[in-house]
Amino acid sequence: MVYEAVLLFGVVFITSYALLALLHWTYPLPPGRRAVLQATLFLAIGGYFVWCWTRSGQTLALKTWKLKVVAADGAPPRPARAVARYLLAWHLWLPGLIWVALFQTHALADAAALGIGFAILLLPAAVDPQRRLLHDRWTGTRIVRVAG
């Protein structure tokens, strides 16, 4: 996931730069413009994942680790399933986001809440026979090793 985040930096940078330059926006962004930027980044990141998963089942990071996202039939997921997988994967951040929304304590505590909530929601994979996370169970997808 860390490697995927490093690669996503490029997607986020290019998308942000293009939007800000195209619309001549400068920082600090007012709340409405910030919401537009965040929604655009959410869609761009989703587009990256859905495009990669439906083409080959692999993002650049998954290729490096010789892993692949597949549907129940072993083929890359179809677009609707890939979109559902992307949207449902955000559940991993929900406990931390709820903490931040309710308490907004300190940046360090908020970051810890995000990390702890994320880590707790990784635990269901430990008891699943196929080591699937909840969003993979919900969408009928799984991560498999690629020979080679």
C-alpha atoms as a PDB file:
ATOM      1  CA  MET A   1       0.000   0.000   0.000  1.00  0.00           C
ATOM      2  CA  VAL A   2       2.894   2.335   0.718  1.00  0.00           C
ATOM      3  CA  TYR A   3       4.353   1.733  -2.746  1.00  0.00           C
ATOM      4  CA  GLU A   4       0.934   2.331  -4.284  1.00  0.00           C
ATOM      5  CA  ALA A   5       0.704   5.628  -2.376  1.00  0.00           C
ATOM      6  CA  VAL A   6       4.099   6.718  -3.706  1.00  0.00           C
ATOM      7  CA  LEU A   7       2.968   6.006  -7.269  1.00  0.00           C
ATOM      8  CA  LEU A   8      -0.334   7.796  -6.689  1.00  0.00           C
ATOM      9  CA  PHE A   9       1.634  10.930  -5.829  1.00  0.00           C
ATOM     10  CA  GLY A  10       2.192  11.384  -9.569  1.00  0.00           C
ATOM     11  CA  VAL A  11      -1.506  10.997 -10.365  1.00  0.00           C
ATOM     12  CA  VAL A  12      -2.441  13.450  -7.618  1.00  0.00           C
ATOM     13  CA  PHE A  13       0.264  15.959  -8.578  1.00  0.00           C
ATOM     14  CA  ILE A  14      -0.600  16.000 -12.285  1.00  0.00           C
ATOM     15  CA  THR A  15      -4.338  16.178 -11.626  1.00  0.00           C
ATOM     16  CA  SER A  16      -3.973  18.957  -9.045  1.00  0.00           C
ATOM     17  CA  TYR A  17      -1.594  20.953 -11.194  1.00  0.00           C
ATOM     18  CA  ALA A  18      -3.826  20.637 -14.257  1.00  0.00           C
ATOM     19  CA  LEU A  19      -6.964  21.690 -12.380  1.00  0.00           C
ATOM     20  CA  LEU A  20      -5.329  24.592 -10.547  1.00  0.00           C
ATOM     21  CA  ALA A  21      -3.585  25.865 -13.697  1.00  0.00           C
ATOM     22  CA  LEU A  22      -6.655  25.454 -15.899  1.00  0.00           C
ATOM     23  CA  LEU A  23      -8.893  27.365 -13.502  1.00  0.00           C
ATOM     24  CA  HIS A  24      -6.191  29.827 -12.347  1.00  0.00           C
ATOM     25  CA  TRP A  25      -6.746  28.897  -8.718  1.00  0.00           C
ATOM     26  CA  THR A  26      -4.148  29.658  -6.077  1.00  0.00           C
ATOM     27  CA  TYR A  27      -3.734  28.609  -2.488  1.00  0.00           C
ATOM     28  CA  PRO A  28      -5.256  28.909   0.008  1.00  0.00           C
ATOM     29  CA  LEU A  29      -8.380  27.545  -1.626  1.00  0.00           C
ATOM     30  CA  PRO A  30     -11.761  28.565  -0.229  1.00  0.00           C
ATOM     31  CA  PRO A  31     -13.940  25.640   0.956  1.00  0.00           C
ATOM     32  CA  GLY A  32     -15.927  25.312  -2.294  1.00  0.00           C
ATOM     33  CA  ARG A  33     -12.834  25.145  -4.474  1.00  0.00           C
ATOM     34  CA  ARG A  34     -11.142  22.772  -2.043  1.00  0.00           C
ATOM     35  CA  ALA A  35     -14.167  20.461  -2.290  1.00  0.00           C
ATOM     36  CA  VAL A  36     -13.936  20.554  -6.098  1.00  0.00           C
ATOM     37  CA  LEU A  37     -10.222  19.698  -5.936  1.00  0.00           C
ATOM     38  CA  GLN A  38     -10.842  16.847  -3.489  1.00  0.00           C
ATOM     39  CA  ALA A  39     -13.676  15.432  -5.600  1.00  0.00           C
ATOM     40  CA  THR A  40     -11.502  15.659  -8.712  1.00  0.00           C
ATOM     41  CA  LEU A  41      -8.656  13.837  -6.963  1.00  0.00           C
ATOM     42  CA  PHE A  42     -11.070  11.171  -5.689  1.00  0.00           C
ATOM     43  CA  LEU A  43     -12.253  10.591  -9.266  1.00  0.00           C
ATOM     44  CA  ALA A  44      -8.723  10.646 -10.717  1.00  0.00           C
ATOM     45  CA  ILE A  45      -7.442   8.099  -8.200  1.00  0.00           C
ATOM     46  CA  GLY A  46     -10.529   5.968  -8.793  1.00  0.00           C
ATOM     47  CA  GLY A  47     -10.006   6.233 -12.535  1.00  0.00           C
ATOM     48  CA  TYR A  48      -6.410   5.040 -12.163  1.00  0.00           C
ATOM     49  CA  PHE A  49      -7.415   2.008 -10.104  1.00  0.00           C
ATOM     50  CA  VAL A  50     -10.453   1.066 -12.202  1.00  0.00           C
ATOM     51  CA  TRP A  51      -8.501   1.433 -15.461  1.00  0.00           C
ATOM     52  CA  CYS A  52      -5.628  -0.726 -14.191  1.00  0.00           C
ATOM     53  CA  TRP A  53      -7.831  -3.372 -12.587  1.00  0.00           C
ATOM     54  CA  THR A  54     -10.089  -3.801 -15.623  1.00  0.00           C
ATOM     55  CA  ARG A  55      -7.241  -3.878 -18.171  1.00  0.00           C
ATOM     56  CA  SER A  56      -4.857  -6.346 -16.567  1.00  0.00           C
ATOM     57  CA  GLY A  57      -5.915  -6.658 -12.933  1.00  0.00           C
ATOM     58  CA  GLN A  58      -2.687  -4.927 -11.949  1.00  0.00           C
ATOM     59  CA  THR A  59      -1.624  -1.448 -10.956  1.00  0.00           C
ATOM     60  CA  LEU A  60       2.058  -0.585 -11.247  1.00  0.00           C
ATOM     61  CA  ALA A  61       2.596  -1.542  -7.610  1.00  0.00           C
ATOM     62  CA  LEU A  62       0.755  -4.852  -8.031  1.00  0.00           C
ATOM     63  CA  LYS A  63       2.920  -5.665 -11.065  1.00  0.00           C
ATOM     64  CA  THR A  64       6.043  -5.058  -9.001  1.00  0.00           C
ATOM     65  CA  TRP A  65       4.829  -7.394  -6.263  1.00  0.00           C
ATOM     66  CA  LYS A  66       3.530  -9.943  -8.822  1.00  0.00           C
ATOM     67  CA  LEU A  67      -0.043  -9.645  -7.572  1.00  0.00           C
ATOM     68  CA  LYS A  68      -3.296  -9.288  -9.474  1.00  0.00           C
ATOM     69  CA  VAL A  69      -6.936  -8.392  -8.743  1.00  0.00           C
ATOM     70  CA  VAL A  70      -9.308 -10.968 -10.191  1.00  0.00           C
ATOM     71  CA  ALA A  71     -13.031 -11.663 -10.116  1.00  0.00           C
ATOM     72  CA  ALA A  72     -14.448 -15.061  -9.148  1.00  0.00           C
ATOM     73  CA  ASP A  73     -13.834 -16.393 -12.673  1.00  0.00           C
ATOM     74  CA  GLY A  74     -10.132 -15.491 -12.505  1.00  0.00           C
ATOM     75  CA  ALA A  75     -10.413 -12.685 -15.062  1.00  0.00           C
ATOM     76  CA  PRO A  76      -9.812  -8.995 -14.302  1.00  0.00           C
ATOM     77  CA  PRO A  77     -12.936  -7.435 -12.799  1.00  0.00           C
ATOM     78  CA  ARG A  78     -15.432  -5.774 -15.100  1.00  0.00           C
ATOM     79  CA  PRO A  79     -15.768  -1.971 -14.772  1.00  0.00           C
ATOM     80  CA  ALA A  80     -18.824  -1.989 -12.474  1.00  0.00           C
ATOM     81  CA  ARG A  81     -17.156  -4.438 -10.098  1.00  0.00           C
ATOM     82  CA  ALA A  82     -13.906  -2.442 -10.171  1.00  0.00           C
ATOM     83  CA  VAL A  83     -15.759   0.794  -9.387  1.00  0.00           C
ATOM     84  CA  ALA A  84     -17.572  -0.934  -6.515  1.00  0.00           C
ATOM     85  CA  ARG A  85     -14.254  -2.290  -5.215  1.00  0.00           C
ATOM     86  CA  TYR A  86     -12.708   1.190  -5.293  1.00  0.00           C
ATOM     87  CA  LEU A  87     -15.641   2.822  -3.519  1.00  0.00           C
ATOM     88  CA  LEU A  88     -16.000   0.071  -0.915  1.00  0.00           C
ATOM     89  CA  ALA A  89     -12.265   0.044  -0.160  1.00  0.00           C
ATOM     90  CA  TRP A  90     -12.687   3.475   1.400  1.00  0.00           C
ATOM     91  CA  HIS A  91     -14.390   1.744   4.355  1.00  0.00           C
ATOM     92  CA  LEU A  92     -10.868   1.119   5.678  1.00  0.00           C
ATOM     93  CA  TRP A  93     -10.613   4.807   6.538  1.00  0.00           C
ATOM     94  CA  LEU A  94     -14.093   5.206   8.081  1.00  0.00           C
ATOM     95  CA  PRO A  95     -13.270   4.620  11.770  1.00  0.00           C
ATOM     96  CA  GLY A  96     -10.470   7.178  11.677  1.00  0.00           C
ATOM     97  CA  LEU A  97     -12.510   9.665   9.674  1.00  0.00           C
ATOM     98  CA  ILE A  98     -15.374   9.360  12.145  1.00  0.00           C
ATOM     99  CA  TRP A  99     -12.921   9.995  15.002  1.00  0.00           C
ATOM    100  CA  VAL A 100     -11.538  13.080  13.256  1.00  0.00           C
ATOM    101  CA  ALA A 101     -15.032  14.403  12.459  1.00  0.00           C
ATOM    102  CA  LEU A 102     -16.264  13.925  16.015  1.00  0.00           C
ATOM    103  CA  PHE A 103     -13.253  14.934  18.083  1.00  0.00           C
ATOM    104  CA  GLN A 104     -10.741  16.871  15.937  1.00  0.00           C
ATOM    105  CA  THR A 105      -8.161  16.659  18.682  1.00  0.00           C
ATOM    106  CA  HIS A 106      -4.593  17.151  17.520  1.00  0.00           C
ATOM    107  CA  ALA A 107      -3.086  16.377  14.130  1.00  0.00           C
ATOM    108  CA  LEU A 108      -0.952  13.600  15.603  1.00  0.00           C
ATOM    109  CA  ALA A 109      -3.913  12.019  17.419  1.00  0.00           C
ATOM    110  CA  ASP A 110      -6.041  12.307  14.290  1.00  0.00           C
ATOM    111  CA  ALA A 111      -3.326  10.612  12.196  1.00  0.00           C
ATOM    112  CA  ALA A 112      -3.017   7.877  14.830  1.00  0.00           C
ATOM    113  CA  ALA A 113      -6.800   7.359  14.771  1.00  0.00           C
ATOM    114  CA  LEU A 114      -6.707   7.016  10.986  1.00  0.00           C
ATOM    115  CA  GLY A 115      -3.846   4.513  11.178  1.00  0.00           C
ATOM    116  CA  ILE A 116      -5.330   2.464  14.005  1.00  0.00           C
ATOM    117  CA  GLY A 117      -8.769   2.312  12.394  1.00  0.00           C
ATOM    118  CA  PHE A 118      -7.194   1.273   9.104  1.00  0.00           C
ATOM    119  CA  ALA A 119      -5.105  -1.431  10.806  1.00  0.00           C
ATOM    120  CA  ILE A 120      -8.116  -2.825  12.685  1.00  0.00           C
ATOM    121  CA  LEU A 121     -10.077  -3.171   9.455  1.00  0.00           C
ATOM    122  CA  LEU A 122      -7.220  -5.155   7.938  1.00  0.00           C
ATOM    123  CA  LEU A 123      -7.783  -7.875  10.561  1.00  0.00           C
ATOM    124  CA  PRO A 124     -10.736  -9.628   8.828  1.00  0.00           C
ATOM    125  CA  ALA A 125      -8.288 -10.772   6.141  1.00  0.00           C
ATOM    126  CA  ALA A 126      -6.470 -12.788   8.812  1.00  0.00           C
ATOM    127  CA  VAL A 127      -9.507 -15.036   9.332  1.00  0.00           C
ATOM    128  CA  ASP A 128     -10.712 -15.232   5.724  1.00  0.00           C
ATOM    129  CA  PRO A 129      -9.592 -18.488   4.043  1.00  0.00           C
ATOM    130  CA  GLN A 130      -8.555 -16.561   0.908  1.00  0.00           C
ATOM    131  CA  ARG A 131      -7.078 -13.638   2.908  1.00  0.00           C
ATOM    132  CA  ARG A 132      -9.586 -11.211   1.396  1.00  0.00           C
ATOM    133  CA  LEU A 133     -10.378  -7.825   2.872  1.00  0.00           C
ATOM    134  CA  LEU A 134     -14.021  -6.879   3.352  1.00  0.00           C
ATOM    135  CA  HIS A 135     -14.265  -4.926   0.098  1.00  0.00           C
ATOM    136  CA  ASP A 136     -12.973  -7.967  -1.803  1.00  0.00           C
ATOM    137  CA  ARG A 137     -15.569 -10.183  -0.132  1.00  0.00           C
ATOM    138  CA  TRP A 138     -18.326  -7.694  -0.904  1.00  0.00           C
ATOM    139  CA  THR A 139     -17.356  -7.392  -4.567  1.00  0.00           C
ATOM    140  CA  GLY A 140     -16.370 -11.004  -5.202  1.00  0.00           C
ATOM    141  CA  THR A 141     -12.787 -10.096  -6.047  1.00  0.00           C
ATOM    142  CA  ARG A 142      -9.492 -11.300  -4.626  1.00  0.00           C
ATOM    143  CA  ILE A 143      -5.771 -10.681  -4.905  1.00  0.00           C
ATOM    144  CA  VAL A 144      -3.774 -13.558  -6.378  1.00  0.00           C
ATOM    145  CA  ARG A 145      -0.101 -14.165  -7.031  1.00  0.00           C
ATOM    146  CA  VAL A 146       1.037 -14.045 -10.652  1.00  0.00           C
ATOM    147  CA  ALA A 147       3.453 -16.729 -11.766  1.00  0.00           C
ATOM    148  CA  GLY A 148       6.727 -15.551 -13.133  1.00  0.00           C
END
